[in-house]
Amino acid sequence: MLKKIRVDQVRMGMHLHALCGAWIDHPFWKTRFVLQDSADLQKLRASAVAECVIDVDKGLDVVAPDEGVSVARGERLPAVATVPRSPVSAASPAAGAPPPPSSSFNDESRRAAALVSKSREAVTSMFNQARLGHALDTQSCVDLVSDVTESVWRNPGAMVSLSRLKTHDDYTYMHSVAVCALMVALARQLGMTEVQAREAGMAGLLHDMGKASMPLDILNKPGKLTETEFTIMRSHPLRGHELLSSGSATPQAALDVCLHHHERPDGKGYPHQLSGSDITLYARMGAVCDVYDAITSNRPYKAGWDPADSMARMASWREGQFDEAVFQAFVKSMGIYPIGSLVRMQSGRLAVVVEQHATSMVLPKVRVFFSTLTNLPISVELLDLSLPSCVDRIQARESNSQWKFAHLEQLWVDAELVKKMRTAAVVTA
């Protein structure tokens, strides 16, 4: 029997089934385990979690059983709610108008930074469990995906852009978190419901689990793969599908995206060479989000491309590689000049895009910092291109591979947040 109790009633030997409240407040990324370590008990009592759910059939009950609130099996609980399934149409979607942001980029960035760090811990642990041959409990990711969805719904730019801040050392794990956020943002742009967006986010989080079965020397190789190595890597969708199918109940959308995110509308993808409408909407979304994060991220063998440059290159590839309607919606969700893009202004100044405009893709907020006329740094200034008083405009995108500025991140996101995220990454590693 499941029983909801106060955290101060928890004692050693209880089987924790779920923690109530926001996932970001949870001291553990996993749930459903017997509490056997006194340090874990102290973490729980020191956290912001007020209530939890225990399974008295698998562990100890409270000292006074009548103090707990019994919950019948099958009743939906906030911390363990199963992500609802929804049918995925193979037809090209019509992009709807997304809801306006309800939180500023700066405010949401602080929440998103903590969530990104927490997500890294969860995904790293999940990959490690898979490498050890343990069955995956994908339901333990439900709360994580719900929190990501809520963050993106409040302001998509924060979670999406912060999850791109990864190094080549933690690429495999953070790529999953980034694709989760990108999938939710794309679902939001496509006019999907929050339920469908959570399903898309779960699919994004689990899409690359097959890489847990890949040899580490191939996965982390700092150079071009041989034909034999590439053939092994191309098996990761099949291996991931097998892995997810053998664990707990994984949503169908996640299984589909894991298996088919490398398929292409022209039939030249893998592993099944599906084409056109044979590829589900979620899989077509996954293909776009997976490629965007891959080419904008630092990898063991190359530095990531600038976001705006990446968007332009994807536009040149999209015929045959990406679903047209999905790609157009993706551009709208990210902007022509995504956050973090290096751009040249009509005034000859260089700037970094720091926040998107709610309705115009060409009028974001930018932070100018360098003059191409004098080839010298200038006083940093924030420009809101949508204001009538601002006469400067973006002239073109720039590639940092030519300029090699080392401090661009500090221009579009708070330096303290970056420091905290880097520290969390080191601790997790």
Protein backbone atom coordinates (compact mmCIF):
# COMPACT_ATOMS: atom_id res chain seq x y z
CA MET A 1 0.00 0.00 0.00
CA LEU A 2 1.17 3.50 -0.79
CA LYS A 3 1.01 6.10 1.95
CA LYS A 4 1.68 9.84 1.85
CA ILE A 5 3.47 11.10 4.96
CA ARG A 6 5.35 14.15 6.22
CA VAL A 7 9.12 14.15 5.77
CA ASP A 8 9.61 14.41 9.53
CA GLN A 9 7.91 11.01 9.83
CA VAL A 10 10.42 9.30 7.56
CA ARG A 11 12.77 6.77 9.19
CA MET A 12 15.45 4.33 8.11
CA GLY A 13 14.11 1.19 6.44
CA MET A 14 11.20 2.90 4.70
CA HIS A 15 10.74 2.37 0.97
CA LEU A 16 10.54 5.79 -0.68
CA HIS A 17 8.12 5.54 -3.58
CA ALA A 18 7.97 9.24 -4.52
CA LEU A 19 8.88 12.71 -3.30
CA CYS A 20 6.17 15.35 -3.54
CA GLY A 21 6.64 18.90 -4.76
CA ALA A 22 8.85 20.32 -7.50
CA TRP A 23 11.50 17.93 -8.79
CA ILE A 24 14.19 20.61 -8.55
CA ASP A 25 13.77 20.56 -4.75
CA HIS A 26 14.35 16.81 -4.51
CA PRO A 27 17.65 15.80 -2.85
CA PHE A 28 17.82 12.63 -5.00
CA TRP A 29 17.22 12.26 -8.71
CA LYS A 30 15.90 8.71 -8.26
CA THR A 31 12.88 7.52 -6.32
CA ARG A 32 11.55 4.10 -5.29
CA PHE A 33 14.35 2.79 -3.06
CA VAL A 34 14.74 1.64 0.53
CA LEU A 35 16.25 4.32 2.77
CA GLN A 36 19.34 2.66 4.26
CA ASP A 37 21.87 5.50 4.52
CA SER A 38 21.57 8.00 7.37
CA ALA A 39 23.17 10.65 5.13
CA ASP A 40 20.26 10.26 2.67
CA LEU A 41 17.80 10.70 5.53
CA GLN A 42 19.55 13.92 6.55
CA LYS A 43 19.49 15.18 2.94
CA LEU A 44 15.76 14.53 2.74
CA ARG A 45 14.98 16.32 6.00
CA ALA A 46 17.20 19.29 5.03
CA SER A 47 15.50 19.67 1.64
CA ALA A 48 12.48 21.76 0.69
CA VAL A 49 10.37 18.62 0.26
CA ALA A 50 7.52 18.59 2.78
CA GLU A 51 5.84 15.27 1.97
CA CYS A 52 6.70 11.96 0.37
CA VAL A 53 5.02 8.69 -0.52
CA ILE A 54 6.21 5.40 0.98
CA ASP A 55 5.35 1.81 0.02
CA VAL A 56 4.64 -0.06 3.28
CA ASP A 57 4.61 -3.40 1.42
CA LYS A 58 8.31 -2.96 0.57
CA GLY A 59 9.57 -1.21 3.70
CA LEU A 60 8.73 0.01 7.17
CA ASP A 61 5.54 1.89 8.00
CA VAL A 62 5.28 5.03 10.11
CA VAL A 63 5.43 4.53 13.88
CA ALA A 64 1.80 5.58 14.20
CA PRO A 65 0.11 4.21 11.07
CA ASP A 66 -2.96 6.38 11.42
CA GLU A 67 -0.88 9.52 10.91
CA GLY A 68 -0.33 8.73 7.24
CA VAL A 69 -2.79 9.32 4.42
CA SER A 70 -3.32 6.07 2.54
CA VAL A 71 -3.36 6.18 -1.23
CA ALA A 72 -4.94 3.43 -3.24
CA ARG A 73 -2.71 1.85 -5.89
CA GLY A 74 -3.34 3.37 -9.30
CA GLU A 75 -4.25 6.79 -7.90
CA ARG A 76 -2.31 9.56 -9.66
CA LEU A 77 0.32 11.19 -7.47
CA PRO A 78 2.07 14.44 -8.43
CA ALA A 79 5.60 13.07 -8.10
CA VAL A 80 5.05 9.82 -9.99
CA ALA A 81 2.44 10.78 -12.54
CA THR A 82 2.76 8.79 -15.75
CA VAL A 83 3.23 10.92 -18.84
CA PRO A 84 0.00 10.58 -20.81
CA ARG A 85 0.26 9.21 -24.31
CA SER A 86 -1.19 11.01 -27.29
CA PRO A 87 -1.45 9.85 -30.90
CA VAL A 88 1.15 11.29 -33.25
CA SER A 89 -0.08 12.24 -36.67
CA ALA A 90 2.25 11.57 -39.60
CA ALA A 91 0.86 14.62 -41.37
CA SER A 92 2.88 17.83 -41.45
CA PRO A 93 1.82 20.03 -38.54
CA ALA A 94 0.53 23.56 -38.76
CA ALA A 95 2.54 25.76 -36.42
CA GLY A 96 0.34 27.52 -33.90
CA ALA A 97 1.05 30.67 -31.95
CA PRO A 98 2.88 29.76 -28.75
CA PRO A 99 1.87 31.34 -25.45
CA PRO A 100 3.85 34.49 -24.55
CA PRO A 101 6.64 34.11 -21.97
CA SER A 102 5.43 34.55 -18.40
CA SER A 103 8.91 34.93 -16.93
CA SER A 104 11.85 37.14 -17.93
CA PHE A 105 14.94 35.53 -19.40
CA ASN A 106 17.07 36.59 -16.43
CA ASP A 107 14.63 35.28 -13.82
CA GLU A 108 14.10 31.99 -15.63
CA SER A 109 17.84 31.56 -16.23
CA ARG A 110 18.47 31.27 -12.50
CA ARG A 111 15.88 28.52 -12.17
CA ALA A 112 17.01 26.85 -15.39
CA ALA A 113 20.68 26.78 -14.33
CA ALA A 114 19.82 24.77 -11.22
CA LEU A 115 17.61 22.48 -13.28
CA VAL A 116 20.32 21.90 -15.90
CA SER A 117 22.79 20.90 -13.19
CA LYS A 118 20.27 18.58 -11.56
CA SER A 119 19.41 17.07 -14.95
CA ARG A 120 23.07 16.36 -15.68
CA GLU A 121 23.27 14.31 -12.49
CA ALA A 122 20.17 12.33 -13.37
CA VAL A 123 21.19 11.56 -16.95
CA THR A 124 24.75 10.65 -15.96
CA SER A 125 23.42 8.19 -13.39
CA MET A 126 20.97 6.73 -15.92
CA PHE A 127 23.72 6.16 -18.51
CA ASN A 128 25.95 4.56 -15.87
CA GLN A 129 23.16 2.21 -14.80
CA ALA A 130 22.61 1.24 -18.44
CA ARG A 131 26.33 0.54 -18.93
CA LEU A 132 26.24 -1.77 -15.93
CA GLY A 133 23.43 -3.72 -17.56
CA HIS A 134 20.71 -2.63 -15.15
CA ALA A 135 17.13 -2.20 -16.35
CA LEU A 136 16.07 1.42 -16.75
CA ASP A 137 13.21 2.93 -14.76
CA THR A 138 12.21 5.68 -17.20
CA GLN A 139 9.34 6.70 -14.94
CA SER A 140 11.92 8.21 -12.60
CA CYS A 141 12.47 10.86 -15.30
CA VAL A 142 8.86 12.04 -15.33
CA ASP A 143 9.36 14.78 -12.75
CA LEU A 144 12.55 15.97 -14.43
CA VAL A 145 10.77 16.32 -17.79
CA SER A 146 7.82 18.05 -16.13
CA ASP A 147 10.11 20.66 -14.60
CA VAL A 148 11.90 21.21 -17.91
CA THR A 149 8.53 21.62 -19.62
CA GLU A 150 7.35 24.15 -17.05
CA SER A 151 10.58 26.14 -17.44
CA VAL A 152 10.32 26.20 -21.23
CA TRP A 153 6.66 27.18 -21.01
CA ARG A 154 7.58 30.16 -18.82
CA ASN A 155 10.45 31.27 -21.08
CA PRO A 156 11.87 28.89 -23.72
CA GLY A 157 15.10 30.84 -24.24
CA ALA A 158 16.53 30.21 -20.77
CA MET A 159 16.50 26.42 -20.55
CA VAL A 160 17.23 25.92 -24.25
CA SER A 161 20.26 28.21 -24.31
CA LEU A 162 21.73 27.17 -20.94
CA SER A 163 21.54 23.48 -21.81
CA ARG A 164 23.84 24.24 -24.76
CA LEU A 165 26.64 25.15 -22.31
CA LYS A 166 28.46 21.85 -22.33
CA THR A 167 32.04 20.67 -22.77
CA HIS A 168 33.22 17.78 -24.91
CA ASP A 169 33.69 15.80 -21.68
CA ASP A 170 30.01 15.85 -20.72
CA TYR A 171 28.57 16.05 -24.24
CA THR A 172 26.89 12.65 -24.22
CA TYR A 173 24.91 13.42 -21.06
CA MET A 174 24.13 17.08 -21.64
CA HIS A 175 23.13 16.42 -25.24
CA SER A 176 20.18 14.44 -23.88
CA VAL A 177 19.17 17.32 -21.60
CA ALA A 178 19.52 19.86 -24.42
CA VAL A 179 17.43 17.81 -26.86
CA CYS A 180 14.78 17.41 -24.15
CA ALA A 181 14.53 21.22 -23.83
CA LEU A 182 14.62 21.75 -27.60
CA MET A 183 11.83 19.21 -28.12
CA VAL A 184 9.62 20.96 -25.57
CA ALA A 185 10.30 24.37 -27.15
CA LEU A 186 9.49 22.99 -30.60
CA ALA A 187 6.30 21.36 -29.31
CA ARG A 188 5.33 24.73 -27.80
CA GLN A 189 5.86 26.42 -31.16
CA LEU A 190 3.85 23.74 -32.95
CA GLY A 191 0.86 24.50 -30.73
CA MET A 192 0.95 21.21 -28.84
CA THR A 193 -0.53 20.90 -25.38
CA GLU A 194 1.67 20.73 -22.29
CA VAL A 195 0.88 17.00 -22.07
CA GLN A 196 2.19 16.48 -25.61
CA ALA A 197 5.17 18.71 -24.88
CA ARG A 198 6.10 16.57 -21.87
CA GLU A 199 5.88 13.49 -24.07
CA ALA A 200 8.16 15.17 -26.61
CA GLY A 201 10.56 16.15 -23.82
CA MET A 202 10.71 12.59 -22.48
CA ALA A 203 11.48 11.37 -26.00
CA GLY A 204 14.27 13.92 -26.29
CA LEU A 205 15.77 12.96 -22.95
CA LEU A 206 15.88 9.25 -23.85
CA HIS A 207 16.62 9.47 -27.58
CA ASP A 208 20.34 8.62 -27.33
CA MET A 209 20.27 5.94 -24.62
CA GLY A 210 21.71 3.51 -27.16
CA LYS A 211 25.04 5.30 -26.82
CA ALA A 212 25.32 3.75 -23.36
CA SER A 213 25.97 0.48 -25.22
CA MET A 214 28.66 1.93 -27.47
CA PRO A 215 32.37 1.29 -26.76
CA LEU A 216 33.78 4.33 -24.94
CA ASP A 217 36.86 4.45 -27.15
CA ILE A 218 34.59 4.94 -30.17
CA LEU A 219 32.09 7.22 -28.44
CA ASN A 220 34.83 9.58 -27.22
CA LYS A 221 37.25 9.23 -30.13
CA PRO A 222 38.87 12.65 -30.80
CA GLY A 223 39.01 12.11 -34.55
CA LYS A 224 37.16 10.79 -37.57
CA LEU A 225 35.63 7.35 -37.18
CA THR A 226 36.69 4.50 -39.43
CA GLU A 227 34.05 2.80 -41.56
CA THR A 228 33.89 -0.07 -39.07
CA GLU A 229 33.55 2.30 -36.11
CA PHE A 230 30.87 4.30 -37.88
CA THR A 231 28.91 1.10 -38.55
CA ILE A 232 29.02 0.34 -34.82
CA MET A 233 27.84 3.87 -33.95
CA ARG A 234 24.98 3.61 -36.43
CA SER A 235 23.63 0.72 -34.37
CA HIS A 236 22.87 2.98 -31.37
CA PRO A 237 19.20 3.61 -32.30
CA LEU A 238 18.52 -0.14 -32.35
CA ARG A 239 20.49 -0.72 -29.16
CA GLY A 240 18.68 2.13 -27.44
CA HIS A 241 15.29 0.82 -28.49
CA GLU A 242 16.16 -2.62 -27.09
CA LEU A 243 17.39 -1.06 -23.86
CA LEU A 244 14.28 1.07 -23.34
CA SER A 245 11.95 -1.78 -24.32
CA SER A 246 13.47 -4.09 -21.71
CA GLY A 247 13.00 -1.62 -18.83
CA SER A 248 9.90 -0.22 -17.20
CA ALA A 249 7.00 1.11 -19.26
CA THR A 250 8.60 3.61 -21.65
CA PRO A 251 6.20 5.90 -23.54
CA GLN A 252 5.70 4.91 -27.16
CA ALA A 253 6.86 8.31 -28.40
CA ALA A 254 10.20 7.85 -26.62
CA LEU A 255 10.67 4.40 -28.13
CA ASP A 256 9.85 5.78 -31.58
CA VAL A 257 12.18 8.79 -31.36
CA CYS A 258 15.00 6.65 -29.98
CA LEU A 259 14.68 4.27 -32.92
CA HIS A 260 13.99 6.76 -35.71
CA HIS A 261 15.64 10.13 -34.95
CA HIS A 262 18.22 9.43 -37.68
CA GLU A 263 15.63 8.72 -40.37
CA ARG A 264 15.19 11.29 -43.18
CA PRO A 265 12.17 12.28 -45.30
CA ASP A 266 14.11 11.32 -48.46
CA GLY A 267 14.63 7.77 -47.16
CA LYS A 268 18.42 8.09 -46.81
CA GLY A 269 18.47 7.82 -43.02
CA TYR A 270 18.86 4.82 -40.74
CA PRO A 271 18.22 2.23 -39.38
CA HIS A 272 15.12 1.45 -41.49
CA GLN A 273 15.35 3.98 -44.34
CA LEU A 274 11.85 5.28 -43.61
CA SER A 275 10.61 8.17 -45.71
CA GLY A 276 7.89 10.82 -45.82
CA SER A 277 4.82 10.18 -43.72
CA ASP A 278 6.20 6.84 -42.49
CA ILE A 279 8.23 8.89 -40.01
CA THR A 280 6.13 10.09 -37.08
CA LEU A 281 5.91 13.74 -36.09
CA TYR A 282 7.86 13.16 -32.87
CA ALA A 283 10.67 11.43 -34.78
CA ARG A 284 10.80 14.29 -37.31
CA MET A 285 11.03 16.73 -34.41
CA GLY A 286 13.77 14.64 -32.84
CA ALA A 287 15.82 14.66 -36.05
CA VAL A 288 15.92 18.47 -36.15
CA CYS A 289 16.62 18.95 -32.43
CA ASP A 290 19.31 16.26 -32.37
CA VAL A 291 21.24 17.77 -35.29
CA TYR A 292 21.01 21.36 -34.02
CA ASP A 293 22.42 20.55 -30.61
CA ALA A 294 25.10 18.28 -32.09
CA ILE A 295 26.50 20.92 -34.45
CA THR A 296 26.37 23.77 -31.90
CA SER A 297 28.15 21.73 -29.18
CA ASN A 298 31.82 21.17 -28.48
CA ARG A 299 32.61 17.58 -29.38
CA PRO A 300 35.72 15.45 -28.75
CA TYR A 301 36.77 16.06 -32.36
CA LYS A 302 35.58 19.61 -33.11
CA ALA A 303 34.38 22.90 -31.64
CA GLY A 304 30.68 23.71 -31.95
CA TRP A 305 29.42 26.08 -34.63
CA ASP A 306 27.82 29.44 -33.86
CA PRO A 307 24.03 29.10 -33.34
CA ALA A 308 23.05 31.46 -36.19
CA ASP A 309 25.57 29.86 -38.53
CA SER A 310 24.22 26.44 -37.59
CA MET A 311 20.66 27.53 -38.35
CA ALA A 312 21.73 28.80 -41.77
CA ARG A 313 23.58 25.59 -42.59
CA MET A 314 20.61 23.47 -41.55
CA ALA A 315 18.41 25.57 -43.82
CA SER A 316 20.70 24.70 -46.72
CA TRP A 317 20.46 20.97 -45.88
CA ARG A 318 16.77 20.80 -45.07
CA GLU A 319 15.55 19.51 -48.45
CA GLY A 320 15.48 15.78 -47.98
CA GLN A 321 17.05 15.79 -44.52
CA PHE A 322 14.40 17.58 -42.45
CA ASP A 323 10.64 17.86 -42.56
CA GLU A 324 9.96 21.34 -43.98
CA ALA A 325 7.10 22.32 -41.67
CA VAL A 326 8.92 21.04 -38.58
CA PHE A 327 12.11 22.88 -39.52
CA GLN A 328 10.23 26.14 -40.11
CA ALA A 329 8.61 25.82 -36.68
CA PHE A 330 12.02 25.09 -35.18
CA VAL A 331 13.44 28.32 -36.66
CA LYS A 332 10.51 30.24 -35.20
CA SER A 333 11.08 28.67 -31.78
CA MET A 334 14.80 29.50 -31.77
CA GLY A 335 14.91 32.65 -33.90
CA ILE A 336 17.00 33.32 -37.00
CA TYR A 337 19.66 34.52 -34.58
CA PRO A 338 19.38 32.19 -31.55
CA ILE A 339 20.58 33.32 -28.12
CA GLY A 340 24.37 33.28 -28.04
CA SER A 341 24.75 34.10 -31.74
CA LEU A 342 27.55 36.46 -32.79
CA VAL A 343 26.26 39.14 -35.18
CA ARG A 344 27.57 42.19 -37.01
CA MET A 345 25.52 45.37 -36.63
CA GLN A 346 24.96 48.00 -39.33
CA SER A 347 27.06 50.36 -37.20
CA GLY A 348 30.08 48.07 -37.63
CA ARG A 349 29.90 46.81 -34.06
CA LEU A 350 29.85 43.14 -33.10
CA ALA A 351 27.22 41.90 -30.67
CA VAL A 352 25.89 38.76 -29.05
CA VAL A 353 22.17 37.96 -29.06
CA VAL A 354 20.96 37.79 -25.45
CA GLU A 355 17.17 37.47 -25.70
CA GLN A 356 14.57 36.85 -28.38
CA HIS A 357 11.70 39.20 -29.17
CA ALA A 358 8.26 37.71 -28.52
CA THR A 359 7.02 38.22 -32.11
CA SER A 360 9.91 39.34 -34.35
CA MET A 361 12.84 37.09 -35.22
CA VAL A 362 14.96 40.03 -36.42
CA LEU A 363 14.52 42.33 -33.41
CA PRO A 364 16.14 40.55 -30.45
CA LYS A 365 18.05 42.14 -27.58
CA VAL A 366 21.80 42.20 -28.26
CA ARG A 367 24.88 43.20 -26.31
CA VAL A 368 27.48 45.10 -28.38
CA PHE A 369 31.11 44.76 -27.26
CA PHE A 370 33.53 45.20 -30.18
CA SER A 371 34.14 47.62 -33.08
CA THR A 372 35.18 46.27 -36.46
CA LEU A 373 36.08 49.84 -37.49
CA THR A 374 38.85 50.18 -34.90
CA ASN A 375 39.32 46.44 -34.34
CA LEU A 376 39.17 47.11 -30.60
CA PRO A 377 36.82 46.27 -27.72
CA ILE A 378 34.24 48.91 -26.80
CA SER A 379 32.09 49.55 -23.75
CA VAL A 380 29.51 46.79 -23.46
CA GLU A 381 25.99 48.07 -24.18
CA LEU A 382 22.63 46.34 -24.23
CA LEU A 383 20.42 47.22 -27.22
CA ASP A 384 16.74 46.36 -27.56
CA LEU A 385 16.33 46.39 -31.33
CA SER A 386 12.55 46.50 -31.05
CA LEU A 387 12.52 49.96 -29.44
CA PRO A 388 11.80 52.92 -31.75
CA SER A 389 14.75 54.76 -30.23
CA CYS A 390 17.19 52.04 -31.37
CA VAL A 391 18.37 52.77 -34.92
CA ASP A 392 21.00 50.03 -35.20
CA ARG A 393 20.08 46.71 -36.83
CA ILE A 394 21.65 43.31 -37.41
CA GLN A 395 23.48 43.28 -40.72
CA ALA A 396 24.78 39.70 -40.80
CA ARG A 397 25.75 36.72 -38.72
CA GLU A 398 29.42 36.24 -37.81
CA SER A 399 31.46 33.12 -37.12
CA ASN A 400 33.48 33.04 -33.94
CA SER A 401 35.80 30.51 -35.55
CA GLN A 402 37.33 33.53 -37.27
CA TRP A 403 37.26 35.99 -34.36
CA LYS A 404 38.02 33.46 -31.59
CA PHE A 405 36.46 35.50 -28.77
CA ALA A 406 36.80 33.51 -25.55
CA HIS A 407 34.26 35.39 -23.44
CA LEU A 408 31.03 35.27 -25.49
CA GLU A 409 29.19 33.19 -22.89
CA GLN A 410 29.69 35.94 -20.31
CA LEU A 411 27.95 38.43 -22.60
CA TRP A 412 24.64 36.61 -22.85
CA VAL A 413 24.42 34.77 -19.55
CA ASP A 414 25.39 35.76 -16.03
CA ALA A 415 29.02 34.76 -15.35
CA GLU A 416 28.13 33.47 -11.88
CA LEU A 417 25.58 31.07 -13.36
CA VAL A 418 28.17 29.73 -15.79
CA LYS A 419 30.62 29.24 -12.92
CA LYS A 420 28.06 27.34 -10.85
CA MET A 421 27.16 25.11 -13.82
CA ARG A 422 30.82 24.35 -14.55
CA THR A 423 31.42 23.51 -10.90
CA ALA A 424 28.39 21.20 -10.86
CA ALA A 425 29.67 19.48 -14.00
CA VAL A 426 33.04 18.78 -12.35
CA VAL A 427 31.37 17.41 -9.21
CA THR A 428 29.09 15.14 -11.28
CA ALA A 429 32.03 13.85 -13.31
